[in-house]
Amino acid sequence: MALIDIQHVTKTFVVDRDWLSRPVRQLTAVHDVSLSLAAGETVGLVGESGCGKSTLARTVLGLYPKTSGTIFYKGKSVDDEATGRAFRRHVQMIFQDPYASLDPRMTVEDIVAEPLRNYHLERDKADLRCRVAALLEEVDMPAEAAQRYPHEFSGGQRQRIGIARALALSPECIFCDEPISALDVSVQVQIVNMLQRLQHERGLSYLFIAHDLAMVHHLSQRIGVMYLGRLVELGPSDALYHDPRHPYTQALIAAIPRPDPHYRRHDVLAGEVPSPLAPPPGCVFHPRCPHAQERCRKEVPLLRDLGGGRLAACHFAKRGDAV
């Protein structure tokens, strides 16, 4: 049984309303996405900016109300009140911007202790301070940092504070929403190594959202690829990275920089991502796809099982062969 099972989740935002406040134009940021996450597993989620990765994570966590679909936690729907409470406690999030995700008016102690206070887990002030100090040390921050404010720290240190806050409730799963994209490369490596250590020590599951497909491949057991709000490919990390089946995944991998002056890129994407306000008919990737045919312009491809735990939303993805 999956720890988290996302079934056919869609998230639509109302862009314009008429004078009676009725929706007249809507934007579908996440379209019919299904994804599961097992205990102790890391699932990576990649795609260009605006493809719906962060919106999916926030919708699953309830930060945005879902338009449709069902989210299961340990086999039970989170729409059930008791299951929803347990889900919100045991699934936490690390945000992309360490400068915006911490309240500048609060001390580090108050920031890290806030989840504990919300759930009334530490009533004694001395015990609370000891718990905060232990959490800070777990993310390689000195206990003395507890009495300081976020503006006194670097970006990497602020992200460590955000991770300590996410760990406060002893979660089973953490959604990592591009947690290293705003950091220097050397700091990125430190944060990634720390996340791996915490996963090993605590048995955590991660949904790891990023643009860097090479980094996601290094971290994840499975990878999902999103394009224009749709999940277009999903599979084991090594298989997807070395033998992508969807043309979009092939183009993403071809764009990864290689330290070889003689290497020539293939399948480089042309054009821009279409507006989600007016997605193209048929396969939403067909305007940029080098393999597009007439069928692609008319018929929406289903996310098909290709065997070996691999799925791809392409009419021409073959079992055992790339497009």
Protein backbone atom coordinates (compact mmCIF):
# COMPACT_ATOMS: atom_id res chain seq x y z
CA MET A 1 0.00 0.00 0.00
CA ALA A 2 1.33 3.43 -0.97
CA LEU A 3 1.99 6.00 1.72
CA ILE A 4 0.42 8.70 -0.48
CA ASP A 5 -1.72 7.93 -3.53
CA ILE A 6 -2.78 10.84 -5.74
CA GLN A 7 -5.66 9.91 -8.05
CA HIS A 8 -6.78 12.08 -10.99
CA VAL A 9 -6.10 15.41 -9.28
CA THR A 10 -7.00 18.56 -11.19
CA LYS A 11 -6.52 22.16 -10.07
CA THR A 12 -8.22 25.00 -11.92
CA PHE A 13 -7.93 28.70 -11.11
CA VAL A 14 -10.57 31.25 -12.05
CA VAL A 15 -8.90 34.05 -14.03
CA ASP A 16 -11.89 36.23 -14.93
CA ARG A 17 -15.47 36.55 -13.68
CA ASP A 18 -18.47 38.35 -15.10
CA TRP A 19 -20.45 41.01 -13.27
CA LEU A 20 -22.36 38.28 -11.41
CA SER A 21 -19.05 36.73 -10.26
CA ARG A 22 -19.56 33.73 -12.51
CA PRO A 23 -16.32 32.27 -13.93
CA VAL A 24 -15.83 33.23 -17.57
CA ARG A 25 -12.18 32.19 -18.00
CA GLN A 26 -10.26 29.49 -16.15
CA LEU A 27 -6.69 28.22 -16.08
CA THR A 28 -6.06 24.53 -15.53
CA ALA A 29 -2.68 24.38 -13.77
CA VAL A 30 -2.82 20.64 -12.99
CA HIS A 31 -4.76 18.28 -15.24
CA ASP A 32 -5.79 14.77 -14.15
CA VAL A 33 -2.51 13.79 -12.47
CA SER A 34 -2.12 10.44 -10.72
CA LEU A 35 1.01 9.60 -8.74
CA SER A 36 1.93 7.45 -5.75
CA LEU A 37 4.68 7.65 -3.15
CA ALA A 38 5.82 4.66 -1.08
CA ALA A 39 7.30 4.75 2.41
CA GLY A 40 11.00 5.61 2.26
CA GLU A 41 10.86 6.41 -1.47
CA THR A 42 12.01 9.53 -3.29
CA VAL A 43 9.97 10.49 -6.34
CA GLY A 44 11.38 13.31 -8.43
CA LEU A 45 9.18 15.71 -10.37
CA VAL A 46 10.70 17.71 -13.21
CA GLY A 47 9.61 20.04 -15.99
CA GLU A 48 9.96 23.61 -17.20
CA SER A 49 8.81 26.57 -15.12
CA GLY A 50 5.05 26.89 -15.07
CA CYS A 51 4.35 23.23 -15.85
CA GLY A 52 2.41 22.70 -12.60
CA LYS A 53 4.94 20.92 -10.36
CA SER A 54 4.65 23.27 -7.38
CA THR A 55 0.90 23.70 -7.86
CA LEU A 56 0.46 19.93 -7.70
CA ALA A 57 2.44 19.73 -4.44
CA ARG A 58 0.54 22.61 -2.86
CA THR A 59 -2.79 21.17 -3.98
CA VAL A 60 -2.01 17.74 -2.53
CA LEU A 61 -1.02 19.36 0.78
CA GLY A 62 -4.23 21.39 0.85
CA LEU A 63 -2.59 24.79 0.45
CA TYR A 64 -4.78 25.12 -2.65
CA PRO A 65 -8.22 23.46 -2.70
CA LYS A 66 -8.32 20.76 -5.37
CA THR A 67 -10.86 21.09 -8.18
CA SER A 68 -11.31 17.34 -8.53
CA GLY A 69 -9.62 14.06 -7.73
CA THR A 70 -8.84 12.11 -4.58
CA ILE A 71 -5.78 11.95 -2.33
CA PHE A 72 -5.24 8.86 -0.19
CA TYR A 73 -3.01 8.62 2.86
CA LYS A 74 -2.28 5.05 3.95
CA GLY A 75 -5.28 3.88 1.95
CA LYS A 76 -7.78 6.39 3.34
CA SER A 77 -9.04 9.57 1.70
CA VAL A 78 -7.72 12.78 3.23
CA ASP A 79 -11.25 14.18 2.81
CA ASP A 80 -12.03 12.19 5.94
CA GLU A 81 -11.51 14.55 8.88
CA ALA A 82 -9.34 12.29 11.02
CA THR A 83 -7.23 11.11 8.07
CA GLY A 84 -6.84 14.70 6.89
CA ARG A 85 -5.50 15.78 10.30
CA ALA A 86 -2.99 12.93 10.35
CA PHE A 87 -1.96 13.70 6.76
CA ARG A 88 -1.35 17.39 7.49
CA ARG A 89 0.78 16.51 10.49
CA HIS A 90 2.87 13.77 8.91
CA VAL A 91 3.41 15.34 5.46
CA GLN A 92 5.41 18.57 5.55
CA MET A 93 6.91 20.93 2.98
CA ILE A 94 10.22 22.69 2.33
CA PHE A 95 9.71 25.80 0.22
CA GLN A 96 11.82 27.14 -2.62
CA ASP A 97 12.66 30.60 -1.32
CA PRO A 98 14.45 30.53 2.06
CA TYR A 99 14.15 34.32 2.22
CA ALA A 100 10.35 34.39 1.91
CA SER A 101 9.40 31.21 3.78
CA LEU A 102 10.57 32.41 7.23
CA ASP A 103 8.82 35.17 9.18
CA PRO A 104 11.44 37.93 9.70
CA ARG A 105 9.72 39.04 12.93
CA MET A 106 10.15 35.67 14.62
CA THR A 107 13.25 34.19 16.19
CA VAL A 108 14.53 30.89 14.86
CA GLU A 109 13.30 29.23 18.05
CA ASP A 110 9.76 30.49 17.46
CA ILE A 111 9.87 29.47 13.78
CA VAL A 112 10.99 25.90 14.48
CA ALA A 113 8.75 25.55 17.54
CA GLU A 114 5.60 26.85 15.82
CA PRO A 115 4.43 23.42 14.54
CA LEU A 116 5.01 21.91 18.00
CA ARG A 117 2.90 24.65 19.60
CA ASN A 118 0.17 24.27 16.98
CA TYR A 119 -0.18 20.60 17.82
CA HIS A 120 0.39 21.11 21.57
CA LEU A 121 3.26 18.62 21.59
CA GLU A 122 5.61 20.49 23.95
CA ARG A 123 3.91 22.31 26.83
CA ASP A 124 6.97 22.91 29.00
CA LYS A 125 9.15 25.81 27.82
CA ALA A 126 12.42 24.12 28.81
CA ASP A 127 11.46 20.95 26.92
CA LEU A 128 10.49 23.05 23.92
CA ARG A 129 13.89 24.77 23.86
CA CYS A 130 15.68 21.42 24.13
CA ARG A 131 13.60 20.07 21.24
CA VAL A 132 14.38 23.10 19.06
CA ALA A 133 18.10 22.83 19.87
CA ALA A 134 18.07 19.15 18.89
CA LEU A 135 16.32 19.92 15.59
CA LEU A 136 18.83 22.65 14.75
CA GLU A 137 21.76 20.37 15.49
CA GLU A 138 20.18 17.71 13.26
CA VAL A 139 20.41 20.12 10.31
CA ASP A 140 23.97 21.16 11.22
CA MET A 141 23.04 24.46 12.84
CA PRO A 142 24.36 25.51 16.30
CA ALA A 143 21.84 25.57 19.14
CA GLU A 144 22.78 29.23 19.75
CA ALA A 145 21.10 30.13 16.44
CA ALA A 146 17.71 29.72 18.13
CA GLN A 147 17.76 33.23 19.60
CA ARG A 148 18.65 34.97 16.34
CA TYR A 149 16.46 36.22 13.46
CA PRO A 150 16.32 34.98 9.84
CA HIS A 151 18.00 38.07 8.36
CA GLU A 152 21.18 37.19 10.26
CA PHE A 153 21.72 34.02 8.22
CA SER A 154 22.79 33.11 4.69
CA GLY A 155 20.43 31.50 2.20
CA GLY A 156 21.76 28.02 2.91
CA GLN A 157 21.41 28.50 6.66
CA ARG A 158 17.85 29.76 6.23
CA GLN A 159 16.99 26.69 4.20
CA ARG A 160 18.39 24.51 7.00
CA ILE A 161 16.08 26.34 9.42
CA GLY A 162 13.16 25.62 7.09
CA ILE A 163 14.14 21.94 7.05
CA ALA A 164 14.33 21.90 10.86
CA ARG A 165 10.79 23.32 10.98
CA ALA A 166 9.61 20.61 8.56
CA LEU A 167 11.17 17.93 10.80
CA ALA A 168 9.59 19.25 14.01
CA LEU A 169 6.48 17.04 13.82
CA SER A 170 8.48 13.88 12.94
CA PRO A 171 6.92 13.62 9.46
CA GLU A 172 6.79 10.52 7.31
CA CYS A 173 7.05 12.47 4.05
CA ILE A 174 8.42 15.87 3.00
CA PHE A 175 7.53 17.68 -0.20
CA CYS A 176 10.70 19.49 -1.32
CA ASP A 177 9.64 22.33 -3.63
CA GLU A 178 12.87 23.26 -5.44
CA PRO A 179 14.70 23.54 -2.10
CA ILE A 180 18.13 24.15 -3.65
CA SER A 181 17.37 26.30 -6.71
CA ALA A 182 18.01 29.62 -4.91
CA LEU A 183 21.33 28.47 -3.40
CA ASP A 184 24.96 28.47 -4.52
CA VAL A 185 26.20 25.25 -6.12
CA SER A 186 28.46 24.33 -3.18
CA VAL A 187 25.59 24.88 -0.74
CA GLN A 188 23.25 22.84 -2.97
CA VAL A 189 25.50 19.81 -2.54
CA GLN A 190 25.54 20.25 1.24
CA ILE A 191 21.74 20.48 1.43
CA VAL A 192 21.24 17.45 -0.84
CA ASN A 193 23.69 15.37 1.21
CA MET A 194 21.89 16.41 4.39
CA LEU A 195 18.49 15.47 2.95
CA GLN A 196 19.84 12.04 2.03
CA ARG A 197 21.26 11.59 5.54
CA LEU A 198 17.94 12.59 7.12
CA GLN A 199 16.08 10.19 4.86
CA HIS A 200 18.37 7.35 5.92
CA GLU A 201 18.13 8.21 9.63
CA ARG A 202 14.39 8.90 9.75
CA GLY A 203 13.02 6.69 6.97
CA LEU A 204 11.52 9.68 5.19
CA SER A 205 9.78 9.78 1.83
CA TYR A 206 10.42 12.75 -0.47
CA LEU A 207 8.57 14.31 -3.35
CA PHE A 208 11.52 16.22 -4.80
CA ILE A 209 10.60 18.99 -7.25
CA ALA A 210 13.39 20.53 -9.33
CA HIS A 211 14.49 21.74 -12.75
CA ASP A 212 17.83 19.92 -12.58
CA LEU A 213 17.08 16.51 -14.06
CA ALA A 214 20.62 15.24 -13.36
CA MET A 215 20.23 16.07 -9.66
CA VAL A 216 16.78 14.49 -9.53
CA HIS A 217 18.19 11.34 -11.16
CA HIS A 218 20.87 11.21 -8.45
CA LEU A 219 18.31 11.51 -5.64
CA SER A 220 15.24 9.64 -6.83
CA GLN A 221 14.05 6.07 -7.25
CA ARG A 222 11.36 7.19 -9.70
CA ILE A 223 10.94 10.34 -11.81
CA GLY A 224 7.80 11.99 -13.13
CA VAL A 225 7.92 14.54 -15.96
CA MET A 226 5.26 17.24 -16.23
CA TYR A 227 4.37 19.45 -19.19
CA LEU A 228 1.62 22.07 -19.22
CA GLY A 229 -0.07 20.60 -16.15
CA ARG A 230 0.02 17.00 -17.38
CA LEU A 231 2.15 14.08 -16.28
CA VAL A 232 3.71 12.96 -19.58
CA GLU A 233 6.16 10.31 -18.37
CA LEU A 234 6.83 8.33 -15.20
CA GLY A 235 9.29 5.56 -14.53
CA PRO A 236 12.28 4.22 -12.60
CA SER A 237 15.00 6.83 -12.35
CA ASP A 238 17.78 5.03 -14.25
CA ALA A 239 15.47 3.76 -16.99
CA LEU A 240 13.89 7.16 -17.60
CA TYR A 241 17.22 9.00 -17.52
CA HIS A 242 19.07 6.65 -19.87
CA ASP A 243 16.16 5.61 -22.12
CA PRO A 244 13.42 8.29 -22.12
CA ARG A 245 10.26 7.38 -24.01
CA HIS A 246 8.51 10.74 -24.35
CA PRO A 247 9.95 13.33 -26.78
CA TYR A 248 9.74 16.03 -24.10
CA THR A 249 11.81 13.96 -21.66
CA GLN A 250 14.31 13.26 -24.44
CA ALA A 251 14.66 17.00 -25.06
CA LEU A 252 15.13 17.75 -21.35
CA ILE A 253 17.91 15.18 -21.08
CA ALA A 254 19.53 16.40 -24.30
CA ALA A 255 19.69 19.90 -22.78
CA ILE A 256 21.77 18.76 -19.77
CA PRO A 257 25.27 20.31 -20.07
CA ARG A 258 28.03 17.78 -20.75
CA PRO A 259 31.79 18.34 -20.23
CA ASP A 260 32.57 17.26 -23.78
CA PRO A 261 33.52 19.88 -26.40
CA HIS A 262 32.68 17.43 -29.22
CA TYR A 263 29.20 16.60 -27.94
CA ARG A 264 26.36 17.92 -30.08
CA ARG A 265 22.91 18.32 -28.62
CA HIS A 266 19.99 16.61 -30.28
CA ASP A 267 16.25 17.20 -29.92
CA VAL A 268 16.71 20.75 -28.61
CA LEU A 269 13.27 22.22 -27.97
CA ALA A 270 12.05 25.01 -30.20
CA GLY A 271 9.49 27.63 -29.26
CA GLU A 272 7.87 28.44 -25.94
CA VAL A 273 5.51 26.55 -23.67
CA PRO A 274 1.93 27.34 -24.83
CA SER A 275 -0.27 29.38 -22.52
CA PRO A 276 -2.29 27.19 -20.12
CA LEU A 277 -5.18 29.58 -20.83
CA ALA A 278 -5.27 28.26 -24.40
CA PRO A 279 -3.64 24.81 -24.53
CA PRO A 280 -3.26 23.33 -28.02
CA PRO A 281 -5.69 20.60 -29.15
CA GLY A 282 -4.64 16.97 -29.14
CA CYS A 283 -1.28 16.34 -27.53
CA VAL A 284 -0.31 19.55 -25.74
CA PHE A 285 3.35 18.99 -26.67
CA HIS A 286 2.77 18.62 -30.43
CA PRO A 287 3.63 22.27 -31.40
CA ARG A 288 7.20 21.70 -30.12
CA CYS A 289 7.59 17.99 -30.82
CA PRO A 290 10.02 16.98 -33.60
CA HIS A 291 8.08 13.72 -34.10
CA ALA A 292 4.54 15.21 -34.24
CA GLN A 293 2.11 13.71 -36.76
CA GLU A 294 -1.47 14.48 -37.72
CA ARG A 295 -2.82 12.17 -35.01
CA CYS A 296 -0.96 14.20 -32.38
CA ARG A 297 -2.76 17.38 -33.43
CA LYS A 298 -6.22 15.83 -33.01
CA GLU A 299 -6.08 13.11 -30.35
CA VAL A 300 -5.06 13.47 -26.70
CA PRO A 301 -2.62 10.66 -25.79
CA LEU A 302 -3.34 8.61 -22.69
CA LEU A 303 -0.69 7.86 -20.09
CA ARG A 304 -0.01 4.27 -21.20
CA ASP A 305 1.72 1.43 -19.36
CA LEU A 306 4.86 0.51 -21.30
CA GLY A 307 5.95 -2.25 -18.94
CA GLY A 308 8.71 -2.27 -16.34
CA GLY A 309 6.94 0.36 -14.25
CA ARG A 310 7.10 2.88 -17.09
CA LEU A 311 4.29 5.15 -18.28
CA ALA A 312 4.27 7.66 -21.13
CA ALA A 313 1.61 9.90 -22.67
CA CYS A 314 2.71 9.57 -26.29
CA HIS A 315 0.92 7.87 -29.20
CA PHE A 316 4.19 6.45 -30.50
CA ALA A 317 6.03 5.41 -27.35
CA LYS A 318 6.87 1.71 -27.77
CA ARG A 319 7.52 -1.03 -25.28
CA GLY A 320 11.28 -1.51 -25.08
CA ASP A 321 12.03 1.23 -27.61
CA ALA A 322 12.33 5.00 -27.43
CA VAL A 323 10.27 7.15 -29.76
